[in-house]
PDB file of all heavy atoms in Angstrom:
ATOM      1  N   GLY A   1     -69.257   9.913-169.283  1.00  0.00           N
ATOM      2  CA  GLY A   1     -68.071  10.480-168.612  1.00  0.00           C
ATOM      3  C   GLY A   1     -66.809  10.528-169.587  1.00  0.00           C
ATOM      4  O   GLY A   1     -66.037  11.478-169.587  1.00  0.00           O
ATOM      5  N   LYS A   2     -66.686   9.473-170.382  1.00  0.00           N
ATOM      6  CA  LYS A   2     -65.585   9.448-171.343  1.00  0.00           C
ATOM      7  C   LYS A   2     -65.714  10.524-172.334  1.00  0.00           C
ATOM      8  O   LYS A   2     -64.770  11.225-172.712  1.00  0.00           O
ATOM      9  CB  LYS A   2     -65.516   8.051-171.978  1.00  0.00           C
ATOM     10  CG  LYS A   2     -64.329   7.853-172.985  1.00  0.00           C
ATOM     11  CD  LYS A   2     -64.350   6.433-173.500  1.00  0.00           C
ATOM     12  CE  LYS A   2     -63.187   6.166-174.398  1.00  0.00           C
ATOM     13  NZ  LYS A   2     -63.130   7.026-175.590  1.00  0.00           N
ATOM     14  N   LEU A   3     -66.947  10.634-172.908  1.00  0.00           N
ATOM     15  CA  LEU A   3     -67.182  11.671-173.948  1.00  0.00           C
ATOM     16  C   LEU A   3     -67.090  13.011-173.484  1.00  0.00           C
ATOM     17  O   LEU A   3     -66.593  13.905-174.053  1.00  0.00           O
ATOM     18  CB  LEU A   3     -68.524  11.341-174.610  1.00  0.00           C
ATOM     19  CG  LEU A   3     -68.682   9.987-175.253  1.00  0.00           C
ATOM     20  CD1 LEU A   3     -70.122   9.756-175.740  1.00  0.00           C
ATOM     21  CD2 LEU A   3     -67.759   9.915-176.523  1.00  0.00           C
ATOM     22  N   ALA A   4     -67.752  13.263-172.319  1.00  0.00           N
ATOM     23  CA  ALA A   4     -67.907  14.702-171.824  1.00  0.00           C
ATOM     24  C   ALA A   4     -66.712  15.111-171.017  1.00  0.00           C
ATOM     25  O   ALA A   4     -66.529  16.358-170.891  1.00  0.00           O
ATOM     26  CB  ALA A   4     -69.175  14.742-170.958  1.00  0.00           C
ATOM     27  N   ALA A   5     -65.929  14.226-170.434  1.00  0.00           N
ATOM     28  CA  ALA A   5     -64.845  14.731-169.561  1.00  0.00           C
ATOM     29  C   ALA A   5     -63.474  14.071-169.889  1.00  0.00           C
ATOM     30  O   ALA A   5     -62.537  14.732-170.160  1.00  0.00           O
ATOM     31  CB  ALA A   5     -65.243  14.376-168.128  1.00  0.00           C
ATOM     32  N   SER A   6     -63.393  12.737-169.800  1.00  0.00           N
ATOM     33  CA  SER A   6     -62.111  12.100-169.873  1.00  0.00           C
ATOM     34  C   SER A   6     -61.340  12.315-171.162  1.00  0.00           C
ATOM     35  O   SER A   6     -60.191  12.654-171.200  1.00  0.00           O
ATOM     36  CB  SER A   6     -62.238  10.574-169.670  1.00  0.00           C
ATOM     37  OG  SER A   6     -62.786  10.298-168.389  1.00  0.00           O
ATOM     38  N   ASP A   7     -62.092  12.185-172.290  1.00  0.00           N
ATOM     39  CA  ASP A   7     -61.405  12.420-173.580  1.00  0.00           C
ATOM     40  C   ASP A   7     -60.839  13.809-173.748  1.00  0.00           C
ATOM     41  O   ASP A   7     -59.728  14.013-174.241  1.00  0.00           O
ATOM     42  CB  ASP A   7     -62.386  12.112-174.723  1.00  0.00           C
ATOM     43  CG  ASP A   7     -62.600  10.589-174.972  1.00  0.00           C
ATOM     44  OD1 ASP A   7     -61.909   9.786-174.363  1.00  0.00           O
ATOM     45  OD2 ASP A   7     -63.503  10.287-175.762  1.00  0.00           O
ATOM     46  N   HIS A   8     -61.658  14.788-173.279  1.00  0.00           N
ATOM     47  CA  HIS A   8     -61.144  16.174-173.359  1.00  0.00           C
ATOM     48  C   HIS A   8     -59.970  16.393-172.435  1.00  0.00           C
ATOM     49  O   HIS A   8     -58.976  17.078-172.818  1.00  0.00           O
ATOM     50  CB  HIS A   8     -62.278  17.160-173.060  1.00  0.00           C
ATOM     51  CG  HIS A   8     -61.854  18.564-173.130  1.00  0.00           C
ATOM     52  ND1 HIS A   8     -61.610  19.163-174.390  1.00  0.00           N
ATOM     53  CD2 HIS A   8     -61.546  19.564-172.247  1.00  0.00           C
ATOM     54  CE1 HIS A   8     -61.194  20.439-174.182  1.00  0.00           C
ATOM     55  NE2 HIS A   8     -61.172  20.682-172.915  1.00  0.00           N
ATOM     56  N   CYS A   9     -60.088  15.909-171.201  1.00  0.00           N
ATOM     57  CA  CYS A   9     -58.944  16.069-170.262  1.00  0.00           C
ATOM     58  C   CYS A   9     -57.679  15.460-170.788  1.00  0.00           C
ATOM     59  O   CYS A   9     -56.567  16.016-170.667  1.00  0.00           O
ATOM     60  CB  CYS A   9     -59.264  15.452-168.929  1.00  0.00           C
ATOM     61  SG  CYS A   9     -60.501  16.403-167.928  1.00  0.00           S
ATOM     62  N   ARG A  10     -57.828  14.303-171.458  1.00  0.00           N
ATOM     63  CA  ARG A  10     -56.635  13.615-171.987  1.00  0.00           C
ATOM     64  C   ARG A  10     -55.990  14.443-173.101  1.00  0.00           C
ATOM     65  O   ARG A  10     -54.767  14.529-173.241  1.00  0.00           O
ATOM     66  CB  ARG A  10     -57.033  12.280-172.553  1.00  0.00           C
ATOM     67  CG  ARG A  10     -55.943  11.371-173.074  1.00  0.00           C
ATOM     68  CD  ARG A  10     -56.437  10.032-173.599  1.00  0.00           C
ATOM     69  NE  ARG A  10     -57.028   9.236-172.535  1.00  0.00           N
ATOM     70  CZ  ARG A  10     -58.315   8.994-172.401  1.00  0.00           C
ATOM     71  NH1 ARG A  10     -59.186   9.463-173.302  1.00  0.00           N
ATOM     72  NH2 ARG A  10     -58.736   8.190-171.464  1.00  0.00           N
ATOM     73  N   ALA A  11     -56.861  15.117-173.895  1.00  0.00           N
ATOM     74  CA  ALA A  11     -56.317  15.860-175.077  1.00  0.00           C
ATOM     75  C   ALA A  11     -55.973  17.381-174.743  1.00  0.00           C
ATOM     76  O   ALA A  11     -55.368  18.046-175.582  1.00  0.00           O
ATOM     77  CB  ALA A  11     -57.295  15.841-176.192  1.00  0.00           C
ATOM     78  N   ALA A  12     -56.418  17.791-173.544  1.00  0.00           N
ATOM     79  CA  ALA A  12     -56.305  19.229-173.252  1.00  0.00           C
ATOM     80  C   ALA A  12     -55.608  19.507-171.923  1.00  0.00           C
ATOM     81  O   ALA A  12     -56.100  20.320-171.098  1.00  0.00           O
ATOM     82  CB  ALA A  12     -57.705  19.814-173.264  1.00  0.00           C
ATOM     83  N   VAL A  13     -54.552  18.816-171.603  1.00  0.00           N
ATOM     84  CA  VAL A  13     -53.780  19.014-170.348  1.00  0.00           C
ATOM     85  C   VAL A  13     -53.364  20.492-170.274  1.00  0.00           C
ATOM     86  O   VAL A  13     -53.501  21.126-169.215  1.00  0.00           O
ATOM     87  CB  VAL A  13     -52.652  18.072-170.242  1.00  0.00           C
ATOM     88  CG1 VAL A  13     -51.834  18.395-168.998  1.00  0.00           C
ATOM     89  CG2 VAL A  13     -53.138  16.619-170.174  1.00  0.00           C
ATOM     90  N   ALA A  14     -52.866  21.006-171.366  1.00  0.00           N
ATOM     91  CA  ALA A  14     -52.388  22.399-171.383  1.00  0.00           C
ATOM     92  C   ALA A  14     -53.522  23.379-171.002  1.00  0.00           C
ATOM     93  O   ALA A  14     -53.307  24.343-170.241  1.00  0.00           O
ATOM     94  CB  ALA A  14     -51.744  22.757-172.717  1.00  0.00           C
ATOM     95  N   GLU A  15     -54.703  23.162-171.598  1.00  0.00           N
ATOM     96  CA  GLU A  15     -55.786  24.049-171.283  1.00  0.00           C
ATOM     97  C   GLU A  15     -56.238  23.949-169.815  1.00  0.00           C
ATOM     98  O   GLU A  15     -56.450  24.960-169.167  1.00  0.00           O
ATOM     99  CB  GLU A  15     -56.994  23.748-172.216  1.00  0.00           C
ATOM    100  CG  GLU A  15     -58.228  24.598-171.873  1.00  0.00           C
ATOM    101  CD  GLU A  15     -59.413  24.367-172.792  1.00  0.00           C
ATOM    102  OE1 GLU A  15     -59.756  23.165-172.994  1.00  0.00           O
ATOM    103  OE2 GLU A  15     -59.955  25.345-173.218  1.00  0.00           O
ATOM    104  N   MET A  16     -56.331  22.691-169.309  1.00  0.00           N
ATOM    105  CA  MET A  16     -56.674  22.552-167.895  1.00  0.00           C
ATOM    106  C   MET A  16     -55.630  23.177-166.976  1.00  0.00           C
ATOM    107  O   MET A  16     -56.004  23.766-165.936  1.00  0.00           O
ATOM    108  CB  MET A  16     -56.830  21.010-167.543  1.00  0.00           C
ATOM    109  CG  MET A  16     -58.050  20.347-168.268  1.00  0.00           C
ATOM    110  SD  MET A  16     -59.669  21.070-167.880  1.00  0.00           S
ATOM    111  CE  MET A  16     -60.102  21.848-169.388  1.00  0.00           C
ATOM    112  N   ARG A  17     -54.414  23.130-167.367  1.00  0.00           N
ATOM    113  CA  ARG A  17     -53.358  23.717-166.580  1.00  0.00           C
ATOM    114  C   ARG A  17     -53.523  25.216-166.536  1.00  0.00           C
ATOM    115  O   ARG A  17     -53.356  25.863-165.517  1.00  0.00           O
ATOM    116  CB  ARG A  17     -51.934  23.335-167.180  1.00  0.00           C
ATOM    117  CG  ARG A  17     -50.826  23.852-166.282  1.00  0.00           C
ATOM    118  CD  ARG A  17     -49.468  23.340-166.833  1.00  0.00           C
ATOM    119  NE  ARG A  17     -48.408  23.598-165.895  1.00  0.00           N
ATOM    120  CZ  ARG A  17     -47.181  23.066-165.935  1.00  0.00           C
ATOM    121  NH1 ARG A  17     -46.941  22.185-166.920  1.00  0.00           N
ATOM    122  NH2 ARG A  17     -46.265  23.344-165.043  1.00  0.00           N
ATOM    123  N   GLU A  18     -53.860  25.811-167.701  1.00  0.00           N
ATOM    124  CA  GLU A  18     -54.010  27.247-167.768  1.00  0.00           C
ATOM    125  C   GLU A  18     -55.276  27.701-166.930  1.00  0.00           C
ATOM    126  O   GLU A  18     -55.201  28.686-166.236  1.00  0.00           O
ATOM    127  CB  GLU A  18     -54.234  27.691-169.207  1.00  0.00           C
ATOM    128  CG  GLU A  18     -53.045  27.516-170.109  1.00  0.00           C
ATOM    129  CD  GLU A  18     -52.535  28.885-170.692  1.00  0.00           C
ATOM    130  OE1 GLU A  18     -52.898  29.912-170.158  1.00  0.00           O
ATOM    131  OE2 GLU A  18     -51.814  28.774-171.686  1.00  0.00           O
ATOM    132  N   LEU A  19     -56.362  26.951-167.008  1.00  0.00           N
ATOM    133  CA  LEU A  19     -57.518  27.261-166.228  1.00  0.00           C
ATOM    134  C   LEU A  19     -57.228  27.140-164.730  1.00  0.00           C
ATOM    135  O   LEU A  19     -57.674  27.964-163.914  1.00  0.00           O
ATOM    136  CB  LEU A  19     -58.657  26.342-166.587  1.00  0.00           C
ATOM    137  CG  LEU A  19     -59.269  26.466-167.964  1.00  0.00           C
ATOM    138  CD1 LEU A  19     -60.275  25.406-168.270  1.00  0.00           C
ATOM    139  CD2 LEU A  19     -59.869  27.840-168.229  1.00  0.00           C
ATOM    140  N   ASP A  20     -56.493  26.111-164.342  1.00  0.00           N
ATOM    141  CA  ASP A  20     -56.095  25.928-162.960  1.00  0.00           C
ATOM    142  C   ASP A  20     -55.298  27.064-162.443  1.00  0.00           C
ATOM    143  O   ASP A  20     -55.501  27.624-161.353  1.00  0.00           O
ATOM    144  CB  ASP A  20     -55.253  24.642-162.837  1.00  0.00           C
ATOM    145  CG  ASP A  20     -54.693  24.441-161.464  1.00  0.00           C
ATOM    146  OD1 ASP A  20     -55.458  24.101-160.479  1.00  0.00           O
ATOM    147  OD2 ASP A  20     -53.452  24.651-161.283  1.00  0.00           O
ATOM    148  N   ALA A  21     -54.309  27.579-163.267  1.00  0.00           N
ATOM    149  CA  ALA A  21     -53.492  28.713-162.838  1.00  0.00           C
ATOM    150  C   ALA A  21     -54.342  29.980-162.720  1.00  0.00           C
ATOM    151  O   ALA A  21     -54.087  30.788-161.799  1.00  0.00           O
ATOM    152  CB  ALA A  21     -52.365  28.949-163.896  1.00  0.00           C
ATOM    153  N   ALA A  22     -55.294  30.124-163.626  1.00  0.00           N
ATOM    154  CA  ALA A  22     -56.172  31.362-163.571  1.00  0.00           C
ATOM    155  C   ALA A  22     -57.052  31.343-162.334  1.00  0.00           C
ATOM    156  O   ALA A  22     -57.235  32.350-161.698  1.00  0.00           O
ATOM    157  CB  ALA A  22     -56.981  31.458-164.880  1.00  0.00           C
ATOM    158  N   PHE A  23     -57.566  30.134-161.993  1.00  0.00           N
ATOM    159  CA  PHE A  23     -58.404  30.031-160.836  1.00  0.00           C
ATOM    160  C   PHE A  23     -57.565  30.273-159.587  1.00  0.00           C
ATOM    161  O   PHE A  23     -58.102  30.829-158.588  1.00  0.00           O
ATOM    162  CB  PHE A  23     -59.118  28.682-160.773  1.00  0.00           C
ATOM    163  CG  PHE A  23     -60.431  28.746-160.023  1.00  0.00           C
ATOM    164  CD1 PHE A  23     -61.610  28.957-160.740  1.00  0.00           C
ATOM    165  CD2 PHE A  23     -60.467  28.640-158.647  1.00  0.00           C
ATOM    166  CE1 PHE A  23     -62.793  29.034-160.082  1.00  0.00           C
ATOM    167  CE2 PHE A  23     -61.693  28.772-157.938  1.00  0.00           C
ATOM    168  CZ  PHE A  23     -62.876  28.945-158.660  1.00  0.00           C
ATOM    169  N   ALA A  24     -56.336  29.843-159.580  1.00  0.00           N
ATOM    170  CA  ALA A  24     -55.460  30.065-158.439  1.00  0.00           C
ATOM    171  C   ALA A  24     -55.284  31.611-158.222  1.00  0.00           C
ATOM    172  O   ALA A  24     -55.194  32.038-157.060  1.00  0.00           O
ATOM    173  CB  ALA A  24     -54.091  29.410-158.671  1.00  0.00           C
ATOM    174  N   LYS A  25     -55.218  32.355-159.343  1.00  0.00           N
ATOM    175  CA  LYS A  25     -55.098  33.816-159.198  1.00  0.00           C
ATOM    176  C   LYS A  25     -56.374  34.412-158.518  1.00  0.00           C
ATOM    177  O   LYS A  25     -56.275  35.349-157.757  1.00  0.00           O
ATOM    178  CB  LYS A  25     -54.882  34.426-160.604  1.00  0.00           C
ATOM    179  CG  LYS A  25     -53.415  34.257-161.077  1.00  0.00           C
ATOM    180  CD  LYS A  25     -53.130  35.146-162.202  1.00  0.00           C
ATOM    181  CE  LYS A  25     -51.672  35.122-162.593  1.00  0.00           C
ATOM    182  NZ  LYS A  25     -51.311  36.095-163.590  1.00  0.00           N
ATOM    183  N   LEU A  26     -57.502  33.883-158.912  1.00  0.00           N
ATOM    184  CA  LEU A  26     -58.706  34.317-158.261  1.00  0.00           C
ATOM    185  C   LEU A  26     -58.670  34.055-156.725  1.00  0.00           C
ATOM    186  O   LEU A  26     -59.065  34.894-155.947  1.00  0.00           O
ATOM    187  CB  LEU A  26     -59.923  33.609-158.855  1.00  0.00           C
ATOM    188  CG  LEU A  26     -60.603  34.116-160.148  1.00  0.00           C
ATOM    189  CD1 LEU A  26     -61.737  33.196-160.530  1.00  0.00           C
ATOM    190  CD2 LEU A  26     -61.067  35.503-159.966  1.00  0.00           C
ATOM    191  N   ARG A  27     -58.181  32.872-156.372  1.00  0.00           N
ATOM    192  CA  ARG A  27     -58.112  32.492-155.005  1.00  0.00           C
ATOM    193  C   ARG A  27     -57.231  33.445-154.185  1.00  0.00           C
ATOM    194  O   ARG A  27     -57.483  33.707-153.012  1.00  0.00           O
ATOM    195  CB  ARG A  27     -57.665  31.065-154.830  1.00  0.00           C
ATOM    196  CG  ARG A  27     -58.667  30.033-155.334  1.00  0.00           C
ATOM    197  CD  ARG A  27     -58.184  28.610-154.986  1.00  0.00           C
ATOM    198  NE  ARG A  27     -58.054  28.451-153.538  1.00  0.00           N
ATOM    199  CZ  ARG A  27     -57.469  27.376-152.975  1.00  0.00           C
ATOM    200  NH1 ARG A  27     -56.946  26.457-153.743  1.00  0.00           N
ATOM    201  NH2 ARG A  27     -57.458  27.260-151.679  1.00  0.00           N
ATOM    202  N   ARG A  28     -56.172  33.959-154.813  1.00  0.00           N
ATOM    203  CA  ARG A  28     -55.234  34.809-154.138  1.00  0.00           C
ATOM    204  C   ARG A  28     -55.870  36.158-153.752  1.00  0.00           C
ATOM    205  O   ARG A  28     -55.372  36.921-152.930  1.00  0.00           O
ATOM    206  CB  ARG A  28     -54.018  35.012-154.967  1.00  0.00           C
ATOM    207  CG  ARG A  28     -53.088  33.825-154.961  1.00  0.00           C
ATOM    208  CD  ARG A  28     -51.676  34.171-155.437  1.00  0.00           C
ATOM    209  NE  ARG A  28     -51.568  34.449-156.822  1.00  0.00           N
ATOM    210  CZ  ARG A  28     -51.318  33.539-157.730  1.00  0.00           C
ATOM    211  NH1 ARG A  28     -51.322  32.256-157.483  1.00  0.00           N
ATOM    212  NH2 ARG A  28     -51.271  33.965-158.990  1.00  0.00           N
ATOM    213  N   ARG A  29     -56.984  36.446-154.380  1.00  0.00           N
ATOM    214  CA  ARG A  29     -57.736  37.718-154.028  1.00  0.00           C
ATOM    215  C   ARG A  29     -58.468  37.598-152.713  1.00  0.00           C
ATOM    216  O   ARG A  29     -58.825  38.577-152.071  1.00  0.00           O
ATOM    217  CB  ARG A  29     -58.627  38.090-155.154  1.00  0.00           C
ATOM    218  CG  ARG A  29     -57.943  38.626-156.354  1.00  0.00           C
ATOM    219  CD  ARG A  29     -58.744  38.641-157.619  1.00  0.00           C
ATOM    220  NE  ARG A  29     -60.087  39.350-157.493  1.00  0.00           N
ATOM    221  CZ  ARG A  29     -61.018  39.247-158.396  1.00  0.00           C
ATOM    222  NH1 ARG A  29     -60.779  38.651-159.560  1.00  0.00           N
ATOM    223  NH2 ARG A  29     -62.175  39.967-158.296  1.00  0.00           N
ATOM    224  N   LYS A  30     -58.641  36.364-152.214  1.00  0.00           N
ATOM    225  CA  LYS A  30     -59.276  36.061-150.880  1.00  0.00           C
ATOM    226  C   LYS A  30     -58.339  35.074-150.159  1.00  0.00           C
ATOM    227  O   LYS A  30     -58.787  33.909-149.988  1.00  0.00           O
ATOM    228  CB  LYS A  30     -60.775  35.560-151.075  1.00  0.00           C
ATOM    229  CG  LYS A  30     -61.674  36.518-151.612  1.00  0.00           C
ATOM    230  CD  LYS A  30     -61.969  37.641-150.630  1.00  0.00           C
ATOM    231  CE  LYS A  30     -62.994  38.649-151.178  1.00  0.00           C
ATOM    232  NZ  LYS A  30     -63.275  39.750-150.214  1.00  0.00           N
ATOM    233  N   PRO A  31     -57.204  35.485-149.743  1.00  0.00           N
ATOM    234  CA  PRO A  31     -56.213  34.480-149.147  1.00  0.00           C
ATOM    235  C   PRO A  31     -56.659  33.809-147.917  1.00  0.00           C
ATOM    236  O   PRO A  31     -56.243  32.717-147.650  1.00  0.00           O
ATOM    237  CB  PRO A  31     -54.945  35.375-148.933  1.00  0.00           C
ATOM    238  CG  PRO A  31     -55.511  36.797-148.837  1.00  0.00           C
ATOM    239  CD  PRO A  31     -56.718  36.831-149.784  1.00  0.00           C
ATOM    240  N   GLY A  32     -57.615  34.381-147.197  1.00  0.00           N
ATOM    241  CA  GLY A  32     -58.084  33.762-145.970  1.00  0.00           C
ATOM    242  C   GLY A  32     -59.227  32.792-146.147  1.00  0.00           C
ATOM    243  O   GLY A  32     -59.743  32.176-145.222  1.00  0.00           O
ATOM    244  N   PHE A  33     -59.716  32.630-147.446  1.00  0.00           N
ATOM    245  CA  PHE A  33     -60.865  31.778-147.704  1.00  0.00           C
ATOM    246  C   PHE A  33     -60.406  30.372-147.890  1.00  0.00           C
ATOM    247  O   PHE A  33     -59.687  30.037-148.869  1.00  0.00           O
ATOM    248  CB  PHE A  33     -61.659  32.230-148.875  1.00  0.00           C
ATOM    249  CG  PHE A  33     -62.835  31.457-149.256  1.00  0.00           C
ATOM    250  CD1 PHE A  33     -64.035  31.690-148.476  1.00  0.00           C
ATOM    251  CD2 PHE A  33     -62.912  30.553-150.217  1.00  0.00           C
ATOM    252  CE1 PHE A  33     -65.194  30.972-148.702  1.00  0.00           C
ATOM    253  CE2 PHE A  33     -64.047  29.820-150.468  1.00  0.00           C
ATOM    254  CZ  PHE A  33     -65.186  30.059-149.703  1.00  0.00           C
ATOM    255  N   GLY A  34     -60.775  29.439-146.987  1.00  0.00           N
ATOM    256  CA  GLY A  34     -60.333  28.049-147.071  1.00  0.00           C
ATOM    257  C   GLY A  34     -61.125  27.206-148.055  1.00  0.00           C
ATOM    258  O   GLY A  34     -62.411  27.396-148.209  1.00  0.00           O
ATOM    259  N   MET A  35     -60.441  26.379-148.795  1.00  0.00           N
ATOM    260  CA  MET A  35     -61.124  25.496-149.803  1.00  0.00           C
ATOM    261  C   MET A  35     -60.529  24.064-149.594  1.00  0.00           C
ATOM    262  O   MET A  35     -59.787  23.546-150.475  1.00  0.00           O
ATOM    263  CB  MET A  35     -60.909  26.029-151.248  1.00  0.00           C
ATOM    264  CG  MET A  35     -61.614  27.332-151.459  1.00  0.00           C
ATOM    265  SD  MET A  35     -61.362  27.991-153.140  1.00  0.00           S
ATOM    266  CE  MET A  35     -62.248  26.819-154.168  1.00  0.00           C
ATOM    267  N   PRO A  36     -60.820  23.401-148.472  1.00  0.00           N
ATOM    268  CA  PRO A  36     -60.154  22.101-148.175  1.00  0.00           C
ATOM    269  C   PRO A  36     -60.541  21.015-149.234  1.00  0.00           C
ATOM    270  O   PRO A  36     -59.668  20.198-149.561  1.00  0.00           O
ATOM    271  CB  PRO A  36     -60.653  21.739-146.784  1.00  0.00           C
ATOM    272  CG  PRO A  36     -61.851  22.599-146.598  1.00  0.00           C
ATOM    273  CD  PRO A  36     -61.655  23.866-147.410  1.00  0.00           C
ATOM    274  N   ALA A  37     -61.796  20.976-149.620  1.00  0.00           N
ATOM    275  CA  ALA A  37     -62.217  19.878-150.567  1.00  0.00           C
ATOM    276  C   ALA A  37     -61.453  20.121-151.945  1.00  0.00           C
ATOM    277  O   ALA A  37     -60.993  19.236-152.591  1.00  0.00           O
ATOM    278  CB  ALA A  37     -63.672  19.923-150.804  1.00  0.00           C
ATOM    279  N   TRP A  38     -61.446  21.431-152.367  1.00  0.00           N
ATOM    280  CA  TRP A  38     -60.795  21.776-153.595  1.00  0.00           C
ATOM    281  C   TRP A  38     -59.319  21.289-153.506  1.00  0.00           C
ATOM    282  O   TRP A  38     -58.776  20.691-154.465  1.00  0.00           O
ATOM    283  CB  TRP A  38     -60.834  23.263-153.826  1.00  0.00           C
ATOM    284  CG  TRP A  38     -60.325  23.773-155.119  1.00  0.00           C
ATOM    285  CD1 TRP A  38     -58.963  23.941-155.407  1.00  0.00           C
ATOM    286  CD2 TRP A  38     -60.970  24.038-156.321  1.00  0.00           C
ATOM    287  NE1 TRP A  38     -58.809  24.390-156.715  1.00  0.00           N
ATOM    288  CE2 TRP A  38     -60.050  24.417-157.331  1.00  0.00           C
ATOM    289  CE3 TRP A  38     -62.340  24.038-156.664  1.00  0.00           C
ATOM    290  CZ2 TRP A  38     -60.416  24.873-158.569  1.00  0.00           C
ATOM    291  CZ3 TRP A  38     -62.712  24.447-157.974  1.00  0.00           C
ATOM    292  CH2 TRP A  38     -61.792  24.862-158.933  1.00  0.00           C
ATOM    293  N   GLU A  39     -58.633  21.651-152.444  1.00  0.00           N
ATOM    294  CA  GLU A  39     -57.231  21.290-152.298  1.00  0.00           C
ATOM    295  C   GLU A  39     -57.004  19.796-152.331  1.00  0.00           C
ATOM    296  O   GLU A  39     -56.076  19.259-152.924  1.00  0.00           O
ATOM    297  CB  GLU A  39     -56.595  21.898-151.046  1.00  0.00           C
ATOM    298  CG  GLU A  39     -56.303  23.405-151.191  1.00  0.00           C
ATOM    299  CD  GLU A  39     -55.341  23.632-152.330  1.00  0.00           C
ATOM    300  OE1 GLU A  39     -54.326  22.939-152.453  1.00  0.00           O
ATOM    301  OE2 GLU A  39     -55.549  24.557-153.154  1.00  0.00           O
ATOM    302  N   LYS A  40     -57.903  19.066-151.657  1.00  0.00           N
ATOM    303  CA  LYS A  40     -57.752  17.637-151.525  1.00  0.00           C
ATOM    304  C   LYS A  40     -57.885  16.901-152.925  1.00  0.00           C
ATOM    305  O   LYS A  40     -57.033  16.098-153.288  1.00  0.00           O
ATOM    306  CB  LYS A  40     -58.759  17.022-150.558  1.00  0.00           C
ATOM    307  CG  LYS A  40     -58.496  15.578-150.250  1.00  0.00           C
ATOM    308  CD  LYS A  40     -59.393  15.103-149.080  1.00  0.00           C
ATOM    309  CE  LYS A  40     -59.104  13.657-148.718  1.00  0.00           C
ATOM    310  NZ  LYS A  40     -59.970  13.182-147.632  1.00  0.00           N
ATOM    311  N   VAL A  41     -58.911  17.306-153.657  1.00  0.00           N
ATOM    312  CA  VAL A  41     -59.172  16.652-154.976  1.00  0.00           C
ATOM    313  C   VAL A  41     -58.036  17.130-155.962  1.00  0.00           C
ATOM    314  O   VAL A  41     -57.609  16.324-156.761  1.00  0.00           O
ATOM    315  CB  VAL A  41     -60.564  16.960-155.552  1.00  0.00           C
ATOM    316  CG1 VAL A  41     -60.764  18.381-155.876  1.00  0.00           C
ATOM    317  CG2 VAL A  41     -60.854  16.033-156.685  1.00  0.00           C
ATOM    318  N   ARG A  42     -57.576  18.362-155.793  1.00  0.00           N
ATOM    319  CA  ARG A  42     -56.502  18.866-156.690  1.00  0.00           C
ATOM    320  C   ARG A  42     -55.257  18.135-156.474  1.00  0.00           C
ATOM    321  O   ARG A  42     -54.532  17.723-157.440  1.00  0.00           O
ATOM    322  CB  ARG A  42     -56.356  20.356-156.453  1.00  0.00           C
ATOM    323  CG  ARG A  42     -55.370  20.994-157.385  1.00  0.00           C
ATOM    324  CD  ARG A  42     -55.414  22.594-157.172  1.00  0.00           C
ATOM    325  NE  ARG A  42     -54.452  23.261-158.107  1.00  0.00           N
ATOM    326  CZ  ARG A  42     -53.276  23.624-157.774  1.00  0.00           C
ATOM    327  NH1 ARG A  42     -52.791  23.287-156.587  1.00  0.00           N
ATOM    328  NH2 ARG A  42     -52.496  24.253-158.621  1.00  0.00           N
ATOM    329  N   LYS A  43     -54.871  17.870-155.198  1.00  0.00           N
ATOM    330  CA  LYS A  43     -53.680  17.175-154.872  1.00  0.00           C
ATOM    331  C   LYS A  43     -53.656  15.716-155.154  1.00  0.00           C
ATOM    332  O   LYS A  43     -52.625  15.046-155.136  1.00  0.00           O
ATOM    333  CB  LYS A  43     -53.236  17.489-153.423  1.00  0.00           C
ATOM    334  CG  LYS A  43     -52.857  18.960-153.151  1.00  0.00           C
ATOM    335  CD  LYS A  43     -52.587  19.149-151.709  1.00  0.00           C
ATOM    336  CE  LYS A  43     -52.137  20.613-151.422  1.00  0.00           C
ATOM    337  NZ  LYS A  43     -51.957  20.867-150.020  1.00  0.00           N
ATOM    338  N   SER A  44     -54.876  15.184-155.359  1.00  0.00           N
ATOM    339  CA  SER A  44     -55.009  13.749-155.637  1.00  0.00           C
ATOM    340  C   SER A  44     -54.471  13.393-157.030  1.00  0.00           C
ATOM    341  O   SER A  44     -54.206  12.230-157.418  1.00  0.00           O
ATOM    342  CB  SER A  44     -56.478  13.282-155.539  1.00  0.00           C
ATOM    343  OG  SER A  44     -57.298  13.858-156.580  1.00  0.00           O
ATOM    344  N   ALA A  45     -54.396  14.423-157.961  1.00  0.00           N
ATOM    345  CA  ALA A  45     -53.922  14.259-159.347  1.00  0.00           C
ATOM    346  C   ALA A  45     -52.396  14.387-159.416  1.00  0.00           C
ATOM    347  O   ALA A  45     -51.816  15.090-158.548  1.00  0.00           O
ATOM    348  CB  ALA A  45     -54.671  15.218-160.244  1.00  0.00           C
ATOM    349  N   PRO A  46     -51.782  13.834-160.389  1.00  0.00           N
ATOM    350  CA  PRO A  46     -50.360  14.060-160.624  1.00  0.00           C
ATOM    351  C   PRO A  46     -50.088  15.566-160.911  1.00  0.00           C
ATOM    352  O   PRO A  46     -50.993  16.315-161.202  1.00  0.00           O
ATOM    353  CB  PRO A  46     -50.025  13.200-161.799  1.00  0.00           C
ATOM    354  CG  PRO A  46     -51.131  12.151-161.876  1.00  0.00           C
ATOM    355  CD  PRO A  46     -52.366  12.873-161.346  1.00  0.00           C
ATOM    356  N   SER A  47     -48.851  15.925-160.800  1.00  0.00           N
ATOM    357  CA  SER A  47     -48.524  17.320-161.140  1.00  0.00           C
ATOM    358  C   SER A  47     -48.779  17.603-162.569  1.00  0.00           C
ATOM    359  O   SER A  47     -48.797  16.680-163.398  1.00  0.00           O
ATOM    360  CB  SER A  47     -47.045  17.573-160.795  1.00  0.00           C
ATOM    361  OG  SER A  47     -46.205  16.960-161.699  1.00  0.00           O
TER     362      SER A  47
END
């Protein structure tokens, strides 16, 4: 987990932020589609 995920997340906050914003744009194409688990895990992290 450290090698495959944590180390990259620590070094690539800007990239993860860009991917998050791009996925949010995809979601806006289906505004009525609920993603409660996605929202819960996303909101568990700091801004």
